Full PDB file with SEQRES, HELIX, SHEET, SSBOND, CRYST1, ORIGX, SCALE, CONECT and MASTER records, all heavy atoms in Angstrom:
SEQRES   1 A   30  TYR MET VAL ALA ASP GLN ILE PRO SER ASN LEU ARG GLY          
SEQRES   2 A   30  LYS ALA THR GLN ILE ARG LEU SER ASP ASP SER ASN LEU          
SEQRES   3 A   30  ALA ILE GLU LEU                                              
HELIX    1 AA1 ALA A    4  GLN A    6  5                                   3    
HELIX    2 AA2 SER A    9  LEU A   11  5                                   3    
SHEET    1 AA1 2 GLN A  17  LEU A  20  0                                        
SHEET    2 AA1 2 LEU A  26  GLU A  29 -1                                        
CRYST1    1.000    1.000    1.000  90.00  90.00  90.00 P 1           1          
ORIGX1      1.000000  0.000000  0.000000        0.00000                         
ORIGX2      0.000000  1.000000  0.000000        0.00000                         
ORIGX3      0.000000  0.000000  1.000000        0.00000                         
SCALE1      1.000000  0.000000  0.000000        0.00000                         
SCALE2      0.000000  1.000000  0.000000        0.00000                         
SCALE3      0.000000  0.000000  1.000000        0.00000                         
ATOM      1  N   TYR A   1     106.058  82.863  97.554  1.00  0.00           N  
ATOM      2  CA  TYR A   1     107.034  81.799  97.373  1.00  0.00           C  
ATOM      3  C   TYR A   1     106.841  81.038  96.066  1.00  0.00           C  
ATOM      4  O   TYR A   1     105.830  81.145  95.373  1.00  0.00           O  
ATOM      5  CB  TYR A   1     106.990  80.828  98.553  1.00  0.00           C  
ATOM      6  CG  TYR A   1     105.747  79.982  98.644  1.00  0.00           C  
ATOM      7  CD1 TYR A   1     105.662  78.772  97.971  1.00  0.00           C  
ATOM      8  CD2 TYR A   1     104.665  80.402  99.395  1.00  0.00           C  
ATOM      9  CE1 TYR A   1     104.515  77.990  98.049  1.00  0.00           C  
ATOM     10  CE2 TYR A   1     103.521  79.630  99.480  1.00  0.00           C  
ATOM     11  CZ  TYR A   1     103.448  78.421  98.806  1.00  0.00           C  
ATOM     12  OH  TYR A   1     102.317  77.659  98.874  1.00  0.00           O  
ATOM     13  N   MET A   2     107.853  80.253  95.742  1.00  0.00           N  
ATOM     14  CA  MET A   2     107.854  79.421  94.548  1.00  0.00           C  
ATOM     15  C   MET A   2     108.489  78.086  94.915  1.00  0.00           C  
ATOM     16  O   MET A   2     109.540  78.055  95.567  1.00  0.00           O  
ATOM     17  CB  MET A   2     108.633  80.104  93.418  1.00  0.00           C  
ATOM     18  CG  MET A   2     108.601  79.369  92.086  1.00  0.00           C  
ATOM     19  SD  MET A   2     109.559  80.242  90.795  1.00  0.00           S  
ATOM     20  CE  MET A   2     108.548  81.713  90.583  1.00  0.00           C  
ATOM     21  N   VAL A   3     107.838  76.994  94.529  1.00  0.00           N  
ATOM     22  CA  VAL A   3     108.362  75.667  94.832  1.00  0.00           C  
ATOM     23  C   VAL A   3     109.101  75.120  93.621  1.00  0.00           C  
ATOM     24  O   VAL A   3     109.042  75.670  92.515  1.00  0.00           O  
ATOM     25  CB  VAL A   3     107.237  74.708  95.265  1.00  0.00           C  
ATOM     26  CG1 VAL A   3     106.614  75.169  96.570  1.00  0.00           C  
ATOM     27  CG2 VAL A   3     106.182  74.600  94.171  1.00  0.00           C  
ATOM     28  N   ALA A   4     109.787  74.003  93.811  1.00  0.00           N  
ATOM     29  CA  ALA A   4     110.674  73.454  92.790  1.00  0.00           C  
ATOM     30  C   ALA A   4     109.974  73.229  91.459  1.00  0.00           C  
ATOM     31  O   ALA A   4     110.542  73.499  90.394  1.00  0.00           O  
ATOM     32  CB  ALA A   4     111.302  72.159  93.305  1.00  0.00           C  
ATOM     33  N   ASP A   5     108.727  72.732  91.490  1.00  0.00           N  
ATOM     34  CA  ASP A   5     108.009  72.436  90.251  1.00  0.00           C  
ATOM     35  C   ASP A   5     107.722  73.682  89.421  1.00  0.00           C  
ATOM     36  O   ASP A   5     107.470  73.594  88.215  1.00  0.00           O  
ATOM     37  CB  ASP A   5     106.685  71.726  90.560  1.00  0.00           C  
ATOM     38  CG  ASP A   5     106.899  70.323  91.094  1.00  0.00           C  
ATOM     39  OD1 ASP A   5     108.014  69.800  90.937  1.00  0.00           O  
ATOM     40  OD2 ASP A   5     105.955  69.761  91.683  1.00  0.00           O  
ATOM     41  N   GLN A   6     107.735  74.850  90.060  1.00  0.00           N  
ATOM     42  CA  GLN A   6     107.427  76.092  89.355  1.00  0.00           C  
ATOM     43  C   GLN A   6     108.674  76.785  88.820  1.00  0.00           C  
ATOM     44  O   GLN A   6     108.574  77.749  88.072  1.00  0.00           O  
ATOM     45  CB  GLN A   6     106.686  77.054  90.291  1.00  0.00           C  
ATOM     46  CG  GLN A   6     105.367  76.527  90.810  1.00  0.00           C  
ATOM     47  CD  GLN A   6     104.794  77.432  91.898  1.00  0.00           C  
ATOM     48  OE1 GLN A   6     105.358  77.553  92.979  1.00  0.00           O  
ATOM     49  NE2 GLN A   6     103.677  78.062  91.611  1.00  0.00           N  
ATOM     50  N   ILE A   7     109.849  76.315  89.216  1.00  0.00           N  
ATOM     51  CA  ILE A   7     111.100  76.976  88.849  1.00  0.00           C  
ATOM     52  C   ILE A   7     111.544  76.500  87.466  1.00  0.00           C  
ATOM     53  O   ILE A   7     111.669  75.303  87.228  1.00  0.00           O  
ATOM     54  CB  ILE A   7     112.194  76.678  89.895  1.00  0.00           C  
ATOM     55  CG1 ILE A   7     111.775  77.241  91.253  1.00  0.00           C  
ATOM     56  CG2 ILE A   7     113.529  77.271  89.463  1.00  0.00           C  
ATOM     57  CD1 ILE A   7     112.670  76.819  92.403  1.00  0.00           C  
ATOM     58  N   PRO A   8     111.775  77.415  86.524  1.00  0.00           N  
ATOM     59  CA  PRO A   8     112.212  77.022  85.182  1.00  0.00           C  
ATOM     60  C   PRO A   8     113.500  76.199  85.226  1.00  0.00           C  
ATOM     61  O   PRO A   8     114.440  76.538  85.947  1.00  0.00           O  
ATOM     62  CB  PRO A   8     112.440  78.369  84.476  1.00  0.00           C  
ATOM     63  CG  PRO A   8     111.567  79.334  85.222  1.00  0.00           C  
ATOM     64  CD  PRO A   8     111.586  78.874  86.647  1.00  0.00           C  
ATOM     65  N   SER A   9     113.531  75.133  84.449  1.00  0.00           N  
ATOM     66  CA  SER A   9     114.673  74.214  84.481  1.00  0.00           C  
ATOM     67  C   SER A   9     115.959  74.865  83.996  1.00  0.00           C  
ATOM     68  O   SER A   9     117.057  74.463  84.405  1.00  0.00           O  
ATOM     69  CB  SER A   9     114.371  72.973  83.635  1.00  0.00           C  
ATOM     70  OG  SER A   9     114.071  73.347  82.294  1.00  0.00           O  
ATOM     71  N   ASN A  10     115.850  75.891  83.145  1.00  0.00           N  
ATOM     72  CA  ASN A  10     117.062  76.520  82.615  1.00  0.00           C  
ATOM     73  C   ASN A  10     117.795  77.364  83.663  1.00  0.00           C  
ATOM     74  O   ASN A  10     118.930  77.796  83.438  1.00  0.00           O  
ATOM     75  CB  ASN A  10     116.715  77.398  81.406  1.00  0.00           C  
ATOM     76  CG  ASN A  10     115.825  78.580  81.777  1.00  0.00           C  
ATOM     77  OD1 ASN A  10     114.765  78.399  82.382  1.00  0.00           O  
ATOM     78  ND2 ASN A  10     116.238  79.773  81.420  1.00  0.00           N  
ATOM     79  N   LEU A  11     117.151  77.574  84.820  1.00  0.00           N  
ATOM     80  CA  LEU A  11     117.801  78.340  85.889  1.00  0.00           C  
ATOM     81  C   LEU A  11     118.486  77.435  86.907  1.00  0.00           C  
ATOM     82  O   LEU A  11     119.246  77.909  87.748  1.00  0.00           O  
ATOM     83  CB  LEU A  11     116.769  79.218  86.606  1.00  0.00           C  
ATOM     84  CG  LEU A  11     116.087  80.283  85.739  1.00  0.00           C  
ATOM     85  CD1 LEU A  11     114.997  80.988  86.520  1.00  0.00           C  
ATOM     86  CD2 LEU A  11     117.114  81.291  85.238  1.00  0.00           C  
ATOM     87  N   ARG A  12     118.219  76.150  86.824  1.00  0.00           N  
ATOM     88  CA  ARG A  12     118.816  75.193  87.760  1.00  0.00           C  
ATOM     89  C   ARG A  12     120.321  75.128  87.568  1.00  0.00           C  
ATOM     90  O   ARG A  12     120.815  75.055  86.436  1.00  0.00           O  
ATOM     91  CB  ARG A  12     118.212  73.805  87.547  1.00  0.00           C  
ATOM     92  CG  ARG A  12     116.786  73.688  88.027  1.00  0.00           C  
ATOM     93  CD  ARG A  12     116.759  73.495  89.519  1.00  0.00           C  
ATOM     94  NE  ARG A  12     115.405  73.423  90.041  1.00  0.00           N  
ATOM     95  CZ  ARG A  12     115.149  73.327  91.324  1.00  0.00           C  
ATOM     96  NH1 ARG A  12     116.125  73.306  92.207  1.00  0.00           N  
ATOM     97  NH2 ARG A  12     113.912  73.285  91.754  1.00  0.00           N  
ATOM     98  N   GLY A  13     121.030  75.157  88.683  1.00  0.00           N  
ATOM     99  CA  GLY A  13     122.485  75.048  88.634  1.00  0.00           C  
ATOM    100  C   GLY A  13     123.195  76.324  88.254  1.00  0.00           C  
ATOM    101  O   GLY A  13     124.423  76.332  88.116  1.00  0.00           O  
ATOM    102  N   LYS A  14     122.470  77.427  88.104  1.00  0.00           N  
ATOM    103  CA  LYS A  14     123.062  78.700  87.685  1.00  0.00           C  
ATOM    104  C   LYS A  14     123.164  79.672  88.859  1.00  0.00           C  
ATOM    105  O   LYS A  14     122.510  79.513  89.897  1.00  0.00           O  
ATOM    106  CB  LYS A  14     122.203  79.326  86.582  1.00  0.00           C  
ATOM    107  CG  LYS A  14     121.974  78.428  85.370  1.00  0.00           C  
ATOM    108  CD  LYS A  14     123.248  78.166  84.611  1.00  0.00           C  
ATOM    109  CE  LYS A  14     122.993  77.248  83.419  1.00  0.00           C  
ATOM    110  NZ  LYS A  14     122.046  77.796  82.457  1.00  0.00           N  
ATOM    111  N   ALA A  15     123.995  80.687  88.664  1.00  0.00           N  
ATOM    112  CA  ALA A  15     124.084  81.780  89.639  1.00  0.00           C  
ATOM    113  C   ALA A  15     122.886  82.700  89.418  1.00  0.00           C  
ATOM    114  O   ALA A  15     122.675  83.202  88.305  1.00  0.00           O  
ATOM    115  CB  ALA A  15     125.385  82.543  89.472  1.00  0.00           C  
ATOM    116  N   THR A  16     122.093  82.904  90.456  1.00  0.00           N  
ATOM    117  CA  THR A  16     120.840  83.638  90.283  1.00  0.00           C  
ATOM    118  C   THR A  16     120.593  84.617  91.430  1.00  0.00           C  
ATOM    119  O   THR A  16     121.211  84.540  92.499  1.00  0.00           O  
ATOM    120  CB  THR A  16     119.628  82.678  90.227  1.00  0.00           C  
ATOM    121  OG1 THR A  16     119.584  81.921  91.438  1.00  0.00           O  
ATOM    122  CG2 THR A  16     119.735  81.737  89.048  1.00  0.00           C  
ATOM    123  N   GLN A  17     119.667  85.516  91.181  1.00  0.00           N  
ATOM    124  CA  GLN A  17     119.088  86.339  92.237  1.00  0.00           C  
ATOM    125  C   GLN A  17     117.573  86.214  92.143  1.00  0.00           C  
ATOM    126  O   GLN A  17     117.016  86.099  91.051  1.00  0.00           O  
ATOM    127  CB  GLN A  17     119.522  87.802  92.140  1.00  0.00           C  
ATOM    128  CG  GLN A  17     118.905  88.584  90.999  1.00  0.00           C  
ATOM    129  CD  GLN A  17     118.954  90.087  91.218  1.00  0.00           C  
ATOM    130  OE1 GLN A  17     118.842  90.571  92.350  1.00  0.00           O  
ATOM    131  NE2 GLN A  17     119.130  90.838  90.138  1.00  0.00           N  
ATOM    132  N   ILE A  18     116.936  86.247  93.302  1.00  0.00           N  
ATOM    133  CA  ILE A  18     115.474  86.149  93.376  1.00  0.00           C  
ATOM    134  C   ILE A  18     114.963  87.409  94.053  1.00  0.00           C  
ATOM    135  O   ILE A  18     115.483  87.809  95.101  1.00  0.00           O  
ATOM    136  CB  ILE A  18     115.027  84.896  94.155  1.00  0.00           C  
ATOM    137  CG1 ILE A  18     115.531  83.630  93.448  1.00  0.00           C  
ATOM    138  CG2 ILE A  18     113.525  84.842  94.268  1.00  0.00           C  
ATOM    139  CD1 ILE A  18     116.785  83.053  94.018  1.00  0.00           C  
ATOM    140  N   ARG A  19     113.963  88.027  93.460  1.00  0.00           N  
ATOM    141  CA  ARG A  19     113.396  89.262  94.006  1.00  0.00           C  
ATOM    142  C   ARG A  19     111.910  89.305  93.730  1.00  0.00           C  
ATOM    143  O   ARG A  19     111.376  88.494  92.968  1.00  0.00           O  
ATOM    144  CB  ARG A  19     114.081  90.484  93.372  1.00  0.00           C  
ATOM    145  CG  ARG A  19     113.857  90.568  91.864  1.00  0.00           C  
ATOM    146  CD  ARG A  19     114.485  91.808  91.263  1.00  0.00           C  
ATOM    147  NE  ARG A  19     114.286  91.861  89.819  1.00  0.00           N  
ATOM    148  CZ  ARG A  19     113.193  92.326  89.234  1.00  0.00           C  
ATOM    149  NH1 ARG A  19     112.178  92.791  89.970  1.00  0.00           N  
ATOM    150  NH2 ARG A  19     113.078  92.351  87.919  1.00  0.00           N  
ATOM    151  N   LEU A  20     111.238  90.283  94.334  1.00  0.00           N  
ATOM    152  CA  LEU A  20     109.831  90.530  94.035  1.00  0.00           C  
ATOM    153  C   LEU A  20     109.731  91.516  92.880  1.00  0.00           C  
ATOM    154  O   LEU A  20     110.371  92.568  92.898  1.00  0.00           O  
ATOM    155  CB  LEU A  20     109.102  91.088  95.254  1.00  0.00           C  
ATOM    156  CG  LEU A  20     108.615  90.098  96.310  1.00  0.00           C  
ATOM    157  CD1 LEU A  20     107.831  90.835  97.386  1.00  0.00           C  
ATOM    158  CD2 LEU A  20     107.760  89.002  95.705  1.00  0.00           C  
ATOM    159  N   SER A  21     108.934  91.170  91.882  1.00  0.00           N  
ATOM    160  CA  SER A  21     108.728  92.082  90.755  1.00  0.00           C  
ATOM    161  C   SER A  21     107.708  93.152  91.131  1.00  0.00           C  
ATOM    162  O   SER A  21     107.133  93.134  92.227  1.00  0.00           O  
ATOM    163  CB  SER A  21     108.246  91.294  89.532  1.00  0.00           C  
ATOM    164  OG  SER A  21     107.024  90.644  89.824  1.00  0.00           O  
ATOM    165  N   ASP A  22     107.475  94.075  90.207  1.00  0.00           N  
ATOM    166  CA  ASP A  22     106.542  95.175  90.480  1.00  0.00           C  
ATOM    167  C   ASP A  22     105.115  94.695  90.714  1.00  0.00           C  
ATOM    168  O   ASP A  22     104.328  95.370  91.383  1.00  0.00           O  
ATOM    169  CB  ASP A  22     106.552  96.172  89.311  1.00  0.00           C  
ATOM    170  CG  ASP A  22     107.878  96.916  89.197  1.00  0.00           C  
ATOM    171  OD1 ASP A  22     108.594  96.982  90.216  1.00  0.00           O  
ATOM    172  OD2 ASP A  22     108.192  97.418  88.097  1.00  0.00           O  
ATOM    173  N   ASP A  23     104.770  93.515  90.145  1.00  0.00           N  
ATOM    174  CA  ASP A  23     103.424  92.983  90.351  1.00  0.00           C  
ATOM    175  C   ASP A  23     103.370  91.996  91.515  1.00  0.00           C  
ATOM    176  O   ASP A  23     102.436  91.209  91.630  1.00  0.00           O  
ATOM    177  CB  ASP A  23     102.905  92.313  89.076  1.00  0.00           C  
ATOM    178  CG  ASP A  23     103.806  91.186  88.597  1.00  0.00           C  
ATOM    179  OD1 ASP A  23     104.855  90.945  89.233  1.00  0.00           O  
ATOM    180  OD2 ASP A  23     103.474  90.546  87.577  1.00  0.00           O  
ATOM    181  N   SER A  24     104.393  92.046  92.385  1.00  0.00           N  
ATOM    182  CA  SER A  24     104.450  91.248  93.614  1.00  0.00           C  
ATOM    183  C   SER A  24     104.545  89.749  93.359  1.00  0.00           C  
ATOM    184  O   SER A  24     104.129  88.951  94.197  1.00  0.00           O  
ATOM    185  CB  SER A  24     103.246  91.551  94.524  1.00  0.00           C  
ATOM    186  OG  SER A  24     103.258  92.897  94.927  1.00  0.00           O  
ATOM    187  N   ASN A  25     105.089  89.356  92.214  1.00  0.00           N  
ATOM    188  CA  ASN A  25     105.402  87.969  91.940  1.00  0.00           C  
ATOM    189  C   ASN A  25     106.909  87.766  92.041  1.00  0.00           C  
ATOM    190  O   ASN A  25     107.685  88.708  91.903  1.00  0.00           O  
ATOM    191  CB  ASN A  25     104.920  87.547  90.545  1.00  0.00           C  
ATOM    192  CG  ASN A  25     103.411  87.503  90.453  1.00  0.00           C  
ATOM    193  OD1 ASN A  25     102.742  86.990  91.356  1.00  0.00           O  
ATOM    194  ND2 ASN A  25     102.855  88.045  89.375  1.00  0.00           N  
ATOM    195  N   LEU A  26     107.327  86.522  92.260  1.00  0.00           N  
ATOM    196  CA  LEU A  26     108.754  86.249  92.332  1.00  0.00           C  
ATOM    197  C   LEU A  26     109.377  86.273  90.952  1.00  0.00           C  
ATOM    198  O   LEU A  26     108.839  85.710  89.996  1.00  0.00           O  
ATOM    199  CB  LEU A  26     109.017  84.888  92.975  1.00  0.00           C  
ATOM    200  CG  LEU A  26     108.963  84.806  94.507  1.00  0.00           C  
ATOM    201  CD1 LEU A  26     109.427  83.437  94.965  1.00  0.00           C  
ATOM    202  CD2 LEU A  26     109.802  85.883  95.161  1.00  0.00           C  
ATOM    203  N   ALA A  27     110.534  86.921  90.853  1.00  0.00           N  
ATOM    204  CA  ALA A  27     111.302  86.946  89.608  1.00  0.00           C  
ATOM    205  C   ALA A  27     112.663  86.330  89.900  1.00  0.00           C  
ATOM    206  O   ALA A  27     113.340  86.723  90.852  1.00  0.00           O  
ATOM    207  CB  ALA A  27     111.462  88.375  89.108  1.00  0.00           C  
ATOM    208  N   ILE A  28     113.063  85.361  89.079  1.00  0.00           N  
ATOM    209  CA  ILE A  28     114.375  84.714  89.213  1.00  0.00           C  
ATOM    210  C   ILE A  28     115.211  85.099  88.014  1.00  0.00           C  
ATOM    211  O   ILE A  28     114.814  84.871  86.864  1.00  0.00           O  
ATOM    212  CB  ILE A  28     114.231  83.176  89.314  1.00  0.00           C  
ATOM    213  CG1 ILE A  28     113.295  82.798  90.447  1.00  0.00           C  
ATOM    214  CG2 ILE A  28     115.601  82.536  89.514  1.00  0.00           C  
ATOM    215  CD1 ILE A  28     113.059  81.312  90.567  1.00  0.00           C  
ATOM    216  N   GLU A  29     116.373  85.693  88.260  1.00  0.00           N  
ATOM    217  CA  GLU A  29     117.207  86.228  87.187  1.00  0.00           C  
ATOM    218  C   GLU A  29     118.612  85.654  87.277  1.00  0.00           C  
ATOM    219  O   GLU A  29     119.144  85.447  88.375  1.00  0.00           O  
ATOM    220  CB  GLU A  29     117.262  87.761  87.272  1.00  0.00           C  
ATOM    221  CG  GLU A  29     115.897  88.417  87.198  1.00  0.00           C  
ATOM    222  CD  GLU A  29     115.911  89.899  87.587  1.00  0.00           C  
ATOM    223  OE1 GLU A  29     116.900  90.305  88.243  1.00  0.00           O  
ATOM    224  OE2 GLU A  29     114.952  90.591  87.262  1.00  0.00           O  
ATOM    225  N   LEU A  30     119.218  85.431  86.110  1.00  0.00           N  
ATOM    226  CA  LEU A  30     120.601  84.977  86.071  1.00  0.00           C  
ATOM    227  C   LEU A  30     121.524  86.131  86.421  1.00  0.00           C  
ATOM    228  O   LEU A  30     121.303  87.281  86.011  1.00  0.00           O  
ATOM    229  CB  LEU A  30     120.941  84.445  84.674  1.00  0.00           C  
ATOM    230  CG  LEU A  30     120.241  83.150  84.237  1.00  0.00           C  
ATOM    231  CD1 LEU A  30     120.589  82.826  82.799  1.00  0.00           C  
ATOM    232  CD2 LEU A  30     120.652  81.995  85.157  1.00  0.00           C  
TER     233      LEU A  30                                                      
MASTER        0    0    0    2    2    0    0    6  232    1    0    3          
END                                                                             
């Protein structure tokens, strides 16, 4: 998981998808 403080501000308010990357970390993409 990822909490609000860890989420990049440039992704706020945008249309996004969240998935697990190959290294098992969360990836947030526009």
